[in-house]
Amino acid sequence: MTRTLLPTPASKVPEVSVLFWIVKVLTTGAGETSSDFLVTHVEPVLGVGVGFVLFVVAMTLQFRAKRYIPTVYWFAVVMVSVFGTMCADVLHVGLDVPYAVSAPAFAVILAVVFVLWRRSEGTLSIHSIVTRRREVFYWVAVLATFALGTATGDLTASTLHVGYLASGILFAVVICIPLVGYTLGRFGAVFAFWFAYVVTRPLGASFADWMGVEPNRGGLGWGTGPVSLVLLVVIGALVAVLSVQRARRVVGRASRVLAP
């Protein structure tokens, strides 16, 4: 079967670095509070509709891009975060599906995506995303991780009454597991990456909820709107840094190629 290669052999996702993980965690928090802000400050159906439209726009821009573009990629991640939150919340709030049910369900969905991806492509490495099919698998998996993380974070914070701050601390400890496992050679790079990637969602969302929700719910009461705005501004600034870094690398590579 002929596969449609992307115009360049390079992956359309960023290099994994410390800054990558910082921005990723921030997007999870921004997605959580932005989703909550939309569905509580406008009519819920309209709020979900707006989130879905922006999600489609972001995905369209990302798939049309010929290469990795930091602004386009991270806009897509933010909107996947928002829409993934809505998927989990609609099941719970709209359809009365308990988080104890939706969290395992999303875990199964993610596992199925990984199995199909691995069988089809032979690898789950994000560095191998150089075909359209792999890009589709990647973004479906990302959406599933956000929905799973949202349900899991709300499960610990609300259903199990752990609270938002305690949940954030809990997931901060959990995310150290893949780091330690990879460092000690117990986990492979791909497994460690996806383990950490899944945990970033409840980690960032728990702390964002803690800052945004009312004190009677265990939060600081700063409001979902202000918290979302601050997080989005910080994300924008860091993505600008990533854009500059990428531009310098591209110029550096071009200089080496053209050097006599």
C-alpha atoms as a PDB file:
ATOM      1  CA  MET A   1       0.000   0.000   0.000  1.00  0.00           C
ATOM      2  CA  THR A   2       1.378   3.398  -0.961  1.00  0.00           C
ATOM      3  CA  ARG A   3       1.667   5.910   1.873  1.00  0.00           C
ATOM      4  CA  THR A   4       1.533   9.638   1.404  1.00  0.00           C
ATOM      5  CA  LEU A   5       4.760  11.045   2.782  1.00  0.00           C
ATOM      6  CA  LEU A   6       4.864  14.459   4.324  1.00  0.00           C
ATOM      7  CA  PRO A   7       6.864  16.949   2.241  1.00  0.00           C
ATOM      8  CA  THR A   8       9.917  16.661   4.511  1.00  0.00           C
ATOM      9  CA  PRO A   9      11.397  13.615   6.227  1.00  0.00           C
ATOM     10  CA  ALA A  10      11.327  15.424   9.562  1.00  0.00           C
ATOM     11  CA  SER A  11       8.549  14.804  12.041  1.00  0.00           C
ATOM     12  CA  LYS A  12       5.795  17.393  12.325  1.00  0.00           C
ATOM     13  CA  VAL A  13       5.993  17.301  16.112  1.00  0.00           C
ATOM     14  CA  PRO A  14       8.571  19.127  18.251  1.00  0.00           C
ATOM     15  CA  GLU A  15      11.712  17.773  19.798  1.00  0.00           C
ATOM     16  CA  VAL A  16      11.192  16.541  23.355  1.00  0.00           C
ATOM     17  CA  SER A  17      12.938  18.936  25.723  1.00  0.00           C
ATOM     18  CA  VAL A  18      12.403  20.484  29.137  1.00  0.00           C
ATOM     19  CA  LEU A  19      10.612  23.409  27.494  1.00  0.00           C
ATOM     20  CA  PHE A  20       8.368  20.973  25.627  1.00  0.00           C
ATOM     21  CA  TRP A  21       7.179  19.454  28.918  1.00  0.00           C
ATOM     22  CA  ILE A  22       6.683  22.855  30.540  1.00  0.00           C
ATOM     23  CA  VAL A  23       4.491  24.077  27.680  1.00  0.00           C
ATOM     24  CA  LYS A  24       2.640  20.750  27.595  1.00  0.00           C
ATOM     25  CA  VAL A  25       1.709  20.977  31.280  1.00  0.00           C
ATOM     26  CA  LEU A  26       0.612  24.596  30.842  1.00  0.00           C
ATOM     27  CA  THR A  27      -1.647  23.641  27.920  1.00  0.00           C
ATOM     28  CA  THR A  28      -3.362  21.027  30.075  1.00  0.00           C
ATOM     29  CA  GLY A  29      -4.180  23.644  32.697  1.00  0.00           C
ATOM     30  CA  ALA A  30      -5.290  26.185  30.103  1.00  0.00           C
ATOM     31  CA  GLY A  31      -7.517  23.614  28.418  1.00  0.00           C
ATOM     32  CA  GLU A  32      -9.180  22.694  31.687  1.00  0.00           C
ATOM     33  CA  THR A  33      -9.991  26.226  32.835  1.00  0.00           C
ATOM     34  CA  SER A  34     -10.818  27.496  29.340  1.00  0.00           C
ATOM     35  CA  SER A  35     -13.323  24.686  28.866  1.00  0.00           C
ATOM     36  CA  ASP A  36     -14.878  25.410  32.263  1.00  0.00           C
ATOM     37  CA  PHE A  37     -15.033  29.118  31.464  1.00  0.00           C
ATOM     38  CA  LEU A  38     -16.763  28.534  28.125  1.00  0.00           C
ATOM     39  CA  VAL A  39     -19.455  26.205  29.430  1.00  0.00           C
ATOM     40  CA  THR A  40     -20.195  28.308  32.529  1.00  0.00           C
ATOM     41  CA  HIS A  41     -20.179  31.802  31.013  1.00  0.00           C
ATOM     42  CA  VAL A  42     -22.157  31.020  27.854  1.00  0.00           C
ATOM     43  CA  GLU A  43     -24.919  28.545  27.130  1.00  0.00           C
ATOM     44  CA  PRO A  44     -23.268  25.092  27.539  1.00  0.00           C
ATOM     45  CA  VAL A  45     -24.236  23.772  24.102  1.00  0.00           C
ATOM     46  CA  LEU A  46     -22.907  26.957  22.507  1.00  0.00           C
ATOM     47  CA  GLY A  47     -19.725  26.714  24.558  1.00  0.00           C
ATOM     48  CA  VAL A  48     -19.091  23.134  23.437  1.00  0.00           C
ATOM     49  CA  GLY A  49     -19.904  24.180  19.867  1.00  0.00           C
ATOM     50  CA  VAL A  50     -17.328  26.962  19.981  1.00  0.00           C
ATOM     51  CA  GLY A  51     -14.758  24.560  21.408  1.00  0.00           C
ATOM     52  CA  PHE A  52     -15.463  22.038  18.654  1.00  0.00           C
ATOM     53  CA  VAL A  53     -15.204  24.623  15.865  1.00  0.00           C
ATOM     54  CA  LEU A  54     -11.878  25.918  17.172  1.00  0.00           C
ATOM     55  CA  PHE A  55     -10.678  22.330  17.522  1.00  0.00           C
ATOM     56  CA  VAL A  56     -11.526  21.641  13.862  1.00  0.00           C
ATOM     57  CA  VAL A  57      -9.798  24.853  12.771  1.00  0.00           C
ATOM     58  CA  ALA A  58      -6.673  23.958  14.749  1.00  0.00           C
ATOM     59  CA  MET A  59      -6.555  20.428  13.345  1.00  0.00           C
ATOM     60  CA  THR A  60      -7.047  21.720   9.808  1.00  0.00           C
ATOM     61  CA  LEU A  61      -4.148  24.135  10.159  1.00  0.00           C
ATOM     62  CA  GLN A  62      -1.918  21.449  11.653  1.00  0.00           C
ATOM     63  CA  PHE A  63      -2.630  18.879   8.944  1.00  0.00           C
ATOM     64  CA  ARG A  64      -2.197  21.432   6.180  1.00  0.00           C
ATOM     65  CA  ALA A  65       1.169  22.546   7.528  1.00  0.00           C
ATOM     66  CA  LYS A  66       4.098  21.174   5.533  1.00  0.00           C
ATOM     67  CA  ARG A  67       6.422  21.065   8.515  1.00  0.00           C
ATOM     68  CA  TYR A  68       6.503  21.558  12.260  1.00  0.00           C
ATOM     69  CA  ILE A  69       5.445  25.143  13.018  1.00  0.00           C
ATOM     70  CA  PRO A  70       5.476  25.890  16.779  1.00  0.00           C
ATOM     71  CA  THR A  71       2.530  28.306  16.727  1.00  0.00           C
ATOM     72  CA  VAL A  72       0.352  25.970  14.673  1.00  0.00           C
ATOM     73  CA  TYR A  73       1.319  22.849  16.604  1.00  0.00           C
ATOM     74  CA  TRP A  74       0.774  24.324  20.066  1.00  0.00           C
ATOM     75  CA  PHE A  75      -2.496  25.975  19.028  1.00  0.00           C
ATOM     76  CA  ALA A  76      -3.611  22.478  18.043  1.00  0.00           C
ATOM     77  CA  VAL A  77      -2.519  21.089  21.416  1.00  0.00           C
ATOM     78  CA  VAL A  78      -4.384  23.813  23.307  1.00  0.00           C
ATOM     79  CA  MET A  79      -7.579  23.174  21.358  1.00  0.00           C
ATOM     80  CA  VAL A  80      -7.250  19.404  21.794  1.00  0.00           C
ATOM     81  CA  SER A  81      -6.898  20.134  25.498  1.00  0.00           C
ATOM     82  CA  VAL A  82     -10.065  22.235  25.523  1.00  0.00           C
ATOM     83  CA  PHE A  83     -12.087  19.809  23.428  1.00  0.00           C
ATOM     84  CA  GLY A  84     -10.747  16.758  25.270  1.00  0.00           C
ATOM     85  CA  THR A  85     -11.905  18.331  28.530  1.00  0.00           C
ATOM     86  CA  MET A  86     -15.320  18.921  27.031  1.00  0.00           C
ATOM     87  CA  CYS A  87     -15.583  15.298  25.881  1.00  0.00           C
ATOM     88  CA  ALA A  88     -14.992  14.047  29.415  1.00  0.00           C
ATOM     89  CA  ASP A  89     -17.220  16.678  31.038  1.00  0.00           C
ATOM     90  CA  VAL A  90     -20.116  16.138  28.637  1.00  0.00           C
ATOM     91  CA  LEU A  91     -20.175  12.453  29.545  1.00  0.00           C
ATOM     92  CA  HIS A  92     -20.195  13.286  33.255  1.00  0.00           C
ATOM     93  CA  VAL A  93     -22.389  16.396  33.396  1.00  0.00           C
ATOM     94  CA  GLY A  94     -24.593  15.858  30.373  1.00  0.00           C
ATOM     95  CA  LEU A  95     -25.004  12.083  30.417  1.00  0.00           C
ATOM     96  CA  ASP A  96     -24.406  11.406  34.137  1.00  0.00           C
ATOM     97  CA  VAL A  97     -21.567   8.980  33.434  1.00  0.00           C
ATOM     98  CA  PRO A  98     -19.450   8.686  36.610  1.00  0.00           C
ATOM     99  CA  TYR A  99     -15.745   9.490  36.325  1.00  0.00           C
ATOM    100  CA  ALA A 100     -15.117   6.018  37.763  1.00  0.00           C
ATOM    101  CA  VAL A 101     -16.630   4.690  34.532  1.00  0.00           C
ATOM    102  CA  SER A 102     -15.401   7.238  31.990  1.00  0.00           C
ATOM    103  CA  ALA A 103     -11.768   7.184  33.146  1.00  0.00           C
ATOM    104  CA  PRO A 104     -11.343   3.410  32.554  1.00  0.00           C
ATOM    105  CA  ALA A 105     -13.314   3.744  29.318  1.00  0.00           C
ATOM    106  CA  PHE A 106     -10.962   6.422  27.991  1.00  0.00           C
ATOM    107  CA  ALA A 107      -8.003   4.283  29.106  1.00  0.00           C
ATOM    108  CA  VAL A 108      -9.353   1.403  27.021  1.00  0.00           C
ATOM    109  CA  ILE A 109      -9.867   3.721  24.047  1.00  0.00           C
ATOM    110  CA  LEU A 110      -6.288   4.971  24.336  1.00  0.00           C
ATOM    111  CA  ALA A 111      -4.985   1.415  24.601  1.00  0.00           C
ATOM    112  CA  VAL A 112      -6.905   0.435  21.454  1.00  0.00           C
ATOM    113  CA  VAL A 113      -5.457   3.423  19.597  1.00  0.00           C
ATOM    114  CA  PHE A 114      -1.940   2.434  20.646  1.00  0.00           C
ATOM    115  CA  VAL A 115      -2.480  -1.208  19.619  1.00  0.00           C
ATOM    116  CA  LEU A 116      -3.834  -0.233  16.202  1.00  0.00           C
ATOM    117  CA  TRP A 117      -1.071   2.323  15.725  1.00  0.00           C
ATOM    118  CA  ARG A 118       1.638  -0.189  16.689  1.00  0.00           C
ATOM    119  CA  ARG A 119       0.251  -2.914  14.470  1.00  0.00           C
ATOM    120  CA  SER A 120      -0.129  -0.563  11.533  1.00  0.00           C
ATOM    121  CA  GLU A 121       3.132   1.349  11.766  1.00  0.00           C
ATOM    122  CA  GLY A 122       5.426  -0.815  13.867  1.00  0.00           C
ATOM    123  CA  THR A 123       6.293   1.984  16.287  1.00  0.00           C
ATOM    124  CA  LEU A 124       4.706   4.551  18.584  1.00  0.00           C
ATOM    125  CA  SER A 125       7.693   6.892  18.506  1.00  0.00           C
ATOM    126  CA  ILE A 126       6.740  10.506  17.859  1.00  0.00           C
ATOM    127  CA  HIS A 127      10.007  10.904  15.959  1.00  0.00           C
ATOM    128  CA  SER A 128       8.644   8.567  13.292  1.00  0.00           C
ATOM    129  CA  ILE A 129       5.613  10.689  12.423  1.00  0.00           C
ATOM    130  CA  VAL A 130       6.509  11.320   8.786  1.00  0.00           C
ATOM    131  CA  THR A 131       3.376   9.942   7.110  1.00  0.00           C
ATOM    132  CA  ARG A 132      -0.186  11.183   7.114  1.00  0.00           C
ATOM    133  CA  ARG A 133      -1.444   7.973   8.707  1.00  0.00           C
ATOM    134  CA  ARG A 134       0.965   8.253  11.610  1.00  0.00           C
ATOM    135  CA  GLU A 135      -0.027  11.859  12.098  1.00  0.00           C
ATOM    136  CA  VAL A 136      -3.675  10.827  12.354  1.00  0.00           C
ATOM    137  CA  PHE A 137      -2.832   8.121  14.893  1.00  0.00           C
ATOM    138  CA  TYR A 138      -0.784  10.640  16.876  1.00  0.00           C
ATOM    139  CA  TRP A 139      -3.545  13.229  17.196  1.00  0.00           C
ATOM    140  CA  VAL A 140      -6.223  10.644  17.993  1.00  0.00           C
ATOM    141  CA  ALA A 141      -3.950   9.359  20.762  1.00  0.00           C
ATOM    142  CA  VAL A 142      -3.337  12.897  22.023  1.00  0.00           C
ATOM    143  CA  LEU A 143      -7.078  13.591  22.161  1.00  0.00           C
ATOM    144  CA  ALA A 144      -7.618  10.337  24.072  1.00  0.00           C
ATOM    145  CA  THR A 145      -4.885  11.243  26.578  1.00  0.00           C
ATOM    146  CA  PHE A 146      -6.545  14.580  27.292  1.00  0.00           C
ATOM    147  CA  ALA A 147      -9.975  13.010  27.804  1.00  0.00           C
ATOM    148  CA  LEU A 148      -8.450  10.286  29.992  1.00  0.00           C
ATOM    149  CA  GLY A 149      -6.456  12.807  32.016  1.00  0.00           C
ATOM    150  CA  THR A 150      -9.474  15.033  32.562  1.00  0.00           C
ATOM    151  CA  ALA A 151     -11.613  12.161  33.823  1.00  0.00           C
ATOM    152  CA  THR A 152      -8.787  10.837  35.998  1.00  0.00           C
ATOM    153  CA  GLY A 153      -8.046  14.228  37.552  1.00  0.00           C
ATOM    154  CA  ASP A 154     -11.700  14.845  38.331  1.00  0.00           C
ATOM    155  CA  LEU A 155     -12.006  11.296  39.651  1.00  0.00           C
ATOM    156  CA  THR A 156      -9.315  11.874  42.275  1.00  0.00           C
ATOM    157  CA  ALA A 157     -10.237  15.464  43.080  1.00  0.00           C
ATOM    158  CA  SER A 158     -14.037  15.154  43.202  1.00  0.00           C
ATOM    159  CA  THR A 159     -15.207  11.547  43.305  1.00  0.00           C
ATOM    160  CA  LEU A 160     -12.482  10.360  45.684  1.00  0.00           C
ATOM    161  CA  HIS A 161     -12.492  13.715  47.527  1.00  0.00           C
ATOM    162  CA  VAL A 162      -8.725  14.064  47.368  1.00  0.00           C
ATOM    163  CA  GLY A 163      -9.035  17.721  46.406  1.00  0.00           C
ATOM    164  CA  TYR A 164      -7.430  19.702  43.597  1.00  0.00           C
ATOM    165  CA  LEU A 165      -4.188  20.661  45.328  1.00  0.00           C
ATOM    166  CA  ALA A 166      -3.603  17.184  46.737  1.00  0.00           C
ATOM    167  CA  SER A 167      -4.401  15.685  43.331  1.00  0.00           C
ATOM    168  CA  GLY A 168      -1.861  17.976  41.702  1.00  0.00           C
ATOM    169  CA  ILE A 169       0.783  16.903  44.202  1.00  0.00           C
ATOM    170  CA  LEU A 170      -0.171  13.255  43.683  1.00  0.00           C
ATOM    171  CA  PHE A 171       0.279  13.471  39.918  1.00  0.00           C
ATOM    172  CA  ALA A 172       3.511  15.437  40.355  1.00  0.00           C
ATOM    173  CA  VAL A 173       4.821  12.374  42.177  1.00  0.00           C
ATOM    174  CA  VAL A 174       3.387   9.960  39.604  1.00  0.00           C
ATOM    175  CA  ILE A 175       5.033  11.772  36.693  1.00  0.00           C
ATOM    176  CA  CYS A 176       8.418  11.101  38.296  1.00  0.00           C
ATOM    177  CA  ILE A 177       7.892   7.360  37.734  1.00  0.00           C
ATOM    178  CA  PRO A 178       8.581   7.383  33.970  1.00  0.00           C
ATOM    179  CA  LEU A 179      11.514   9.763  34.504  1.00  0.00           C
ATOM    180  CA  VAL A 180      13.114   7.488  37.079  1.00  0.00           C
ATOM    181  CA  GLY A 181      12.244   4.347  35.119  1.00  0.00           C
ATOM    182  CA  TYR A 182      13.803   5.714  31.937  1.00  0.00           C
ATOM    183  CA  THR A 183      16.881   7.013  33.763  1.00  0.00           C
ATOM    184  CA  LEU A 184      17.477   3.631  35.377  1.00  0.00           C
ATOM    185  CA  GLY A 185      16.930   1.825  32.096  1.00  0.00           C
ATOM    186  CA  ARG A 186      13.747   0.116  33.262  1.00  0.00           C
ATOM    187  CA  PHE A 187      11.475   1.862  30.745  1.00  0.00           C
ATOM    188  CA  GLY A 188      12.005   2.322  27.045  1.00  0.00           C
ATOM    189  CA  ALA A 189      11.969   5.846  25.646  1.00  0.00           C
ATOM    190  CA  VAL A 190       8.608   5.437  23.884  1.00  0.00           C
ATOM    191  CA  PHE A 191       6.848   3.931  26.902  1.00  0.00           C
ATOM    192  CA  ALA A 192       8.294   6.563  29.240  1.00  0.00           C
ATOM    193  CA  PHE A 193       7.240   9.358  26.898  1.00  0.00           C
ATOM    194  CA  TRP A 194       3.605   8.286  26.629  1.00  0.00           C
ATOM    195  CA  PHE A 195       3.422   7.476  30.353  1.00  0.00           C
ATOM    196  CA  ALA A 196       4.548  11.011  31.166  1.00  0.00           C
ATOM    197  CA  TYR A 197       2.397  12.510  28.414  1.00  0.00           C
ATOM    198  CA  VAL A 198      -0.771  11.005  29.871  1.00  0.00           C
ATOM    199  CA  VAL A 199       0.064  12.167  33.399  1.00  0.00           C
ATOM    200  CA  THR A 200       0.724  15.770  32.337  1.00  0.00           C
ATOM    201  CA  ARG A 201      -2.999  16.187  31.794  1.00  0.00           C
ATOM    202  CA  PRO A 202      -4.305  15.560  35.334  1.00  0.00           C
ATOM    203  CA  LEU A 203      -1.159  17.224  36.701  1.00  0.00           C
ATOM    204  CA  GLY A 204      -1.696  20.559  34.971  1.00  0.00           C
ATOM    205  CA  ALA A 205      -5.478  20.451  35.175  1.00  0.00           C
ATOM    206  CA  SER A 206      -5.480  19.764  38.928  1.00  0.00           C
ATOM    207  CA  PHE A 207      -3.306  22.773  39.715  1.00  0.00           C
ATOM    208  CA  ALA A 208      -5.258  24.979  37.295  1.00  0.00           C
ATOM    209  CA  ASP A 209      -8.550  23.938  38.896  1.00  0.00           C
ATOM    210  CA  TRP A 210      -7.067  24.594  42.340  1.00  0.00           C
ATOM    211  CA  MET A 211      -6.227  28.148  41.291  1.00  0.00           C
ATOM    212  CA  GLY A 212      -9.525  28.775  39.539  1.00  0.00           C
ATOM    213  CA  VAL A 213     -12.325  27.222  41.608  1.00  0.00           C
ATOM    214  CA  GLU A 214     -14.012  28.787  44.598  1.00  0.00           C
ATOM    215  CA  PRO A 215     -12.599  28.362  48.130  1.00  0.00           C
ATOM    216  CA  ASN A 216     -15.656  26.336  49.146  1.00  0.00           C
ATOM    217  CA  ARG A 217     -14.554  23.775  46.552  1.00  0.00           C
ATOM    218  CA  GLY A 218     -10.987  23.719  47.818  1.00  0.00           C
ATOM    219  CA  GLY A 219      -9.545  26.307  45.428  1.00  0.00           C
ATOM    220  CA  LEU A 220      -7.994  29.751  45.576  1.00  0.00           C
ATOM    221  CA  GLY A 221     -10.951  31.402  43.848  1.00  0.00           C
ATOM    222  CA  TRP A 222      -8.984  33.294  41.206  1.00  0.00           C
ATOM    223  CA  GLY A 223     -11.588  32.431  38.564  1.00  0.00           C
ATOM    224  CA  THR A 224     -11.337  30.256  35.470  1.00  0.00           C
ATOM    225  CA  GLY A 225     -11.237  33.279  33.157  1.00  0.00           C
ATOM    226  CA  PRO A 226      -8.199  35.012  34.726  1.00  0.00           C
ATOM    227  CA  VAL A 227      -6.343  31.714  35.184  1.00  0.00           C
ATOM    228  CA  SER A 228      -6.976  30.788  31.545  1.00  0.00           C
ATOM    229  CA  LEU A 229      -5.804  34.195  30.344  1.00  0.00           C
ATOM    230  CA  VAL A 230      -2.571  34.075  32.331  1.00  0.00           C
ATOM    231  CA  LEU A 231      -1.806  30.528  31.222  1.00  0.00           C
ATOM    232  CA  LEU A 232      -2.466  31.357  27.568  1.00  0.00           C
ATOM    233  CA  VAL A 233      -0.217  34.416  27.742  1.00  0.00           C
ATOM    234  CA  VAL A 234       2.601  32.380  29.273  1.00  0.00           C
ATOM    235  CA  ILE A 235       2.104  29.653  26.665  1.00  0.00           C
ATOM    236  CA  GLY A 236       2.231  32.263  23.908  1.00  0.00           C
ATOM    237  CA  ALA A 237       5.492  33.680  25.267  1.00  0.00           C
ATOM    238  CA  LEU A 238       7.103  30.236  25.519  1.00  0.00           C
ATOM    239  CA  VAL A 239       5.930  29.257  22.034  1.00  0.00           C
ATOM    240  CA  ALA A 240       7.539  32.451  20.758  1.00  0.00           C
ATOM    241  CA  VAL A 241      10.788  31.277  22.351  1.00  0.00           C
ATOM    242  CA  LEU A 242      10.385  27.886  20.682  1.00  0.00           C
ATOM    243  CA  SER A 243       9.780  29.608  17.337  1.00  0.00           C
ATOM    244  CA  VAL A 244      12.976  31.641  17.681  1.00  0.00           C
ATOM    245  CA  GLN A 245      14.950  28.550  18.669  1.00  0.00           C
ATOM    246  CA  ARG A 246      13.635  26.625  15.676  1.00  0.00           C
ATOM    247  CA  ALA A 247      14.387  29.494  13.290  1.00  0.00           C
ATOM    248  CA  ARG A 248      17.965  29.621  14.556  1.00  0.00           C
ATOM    249  CA  ARG A 249      18.383  25.880  14.085  1.00  0.00           C
ATOM    250  CA  VAL A 250      17.037  26.082  10.533  1.00  0.00           C
ATOM    251  CA  VAL A 251      19.401  28.944   9.709  1.00  0.00           C
ATOM    252  CA  GLY A 252      22.278  27.045  11.292  1.00  0.00           C
ATOM    253  CA  ARG A 253      21.585  23.930   9.246  1.00  0.00           C
ATOM    254  CA  ALA A 254      21.268  25.982   6.060  1.00  0.00           C
ATOM    255  CA  SER A 255      24.584  27.702   6.781  1.00  0.00           C
ATOM    256  CA  ARG A 256      26.344  24.367   7.230  1.00  0.00           C
ATOM    257  CA  VAL A 257      24.878  23.023   3.983  1.00  0.00           C
ATOM    258  CA  LEU A 258      25.920  26.095   1.995  1.00  0.00           C
ATOM    259  CA  ALA A 259      29.352  26.364   3.575  1.00  0.00           C
ATOM    260  CA  PRO A 260      32.185  25.668   1.102  1.00  0.00           C
END
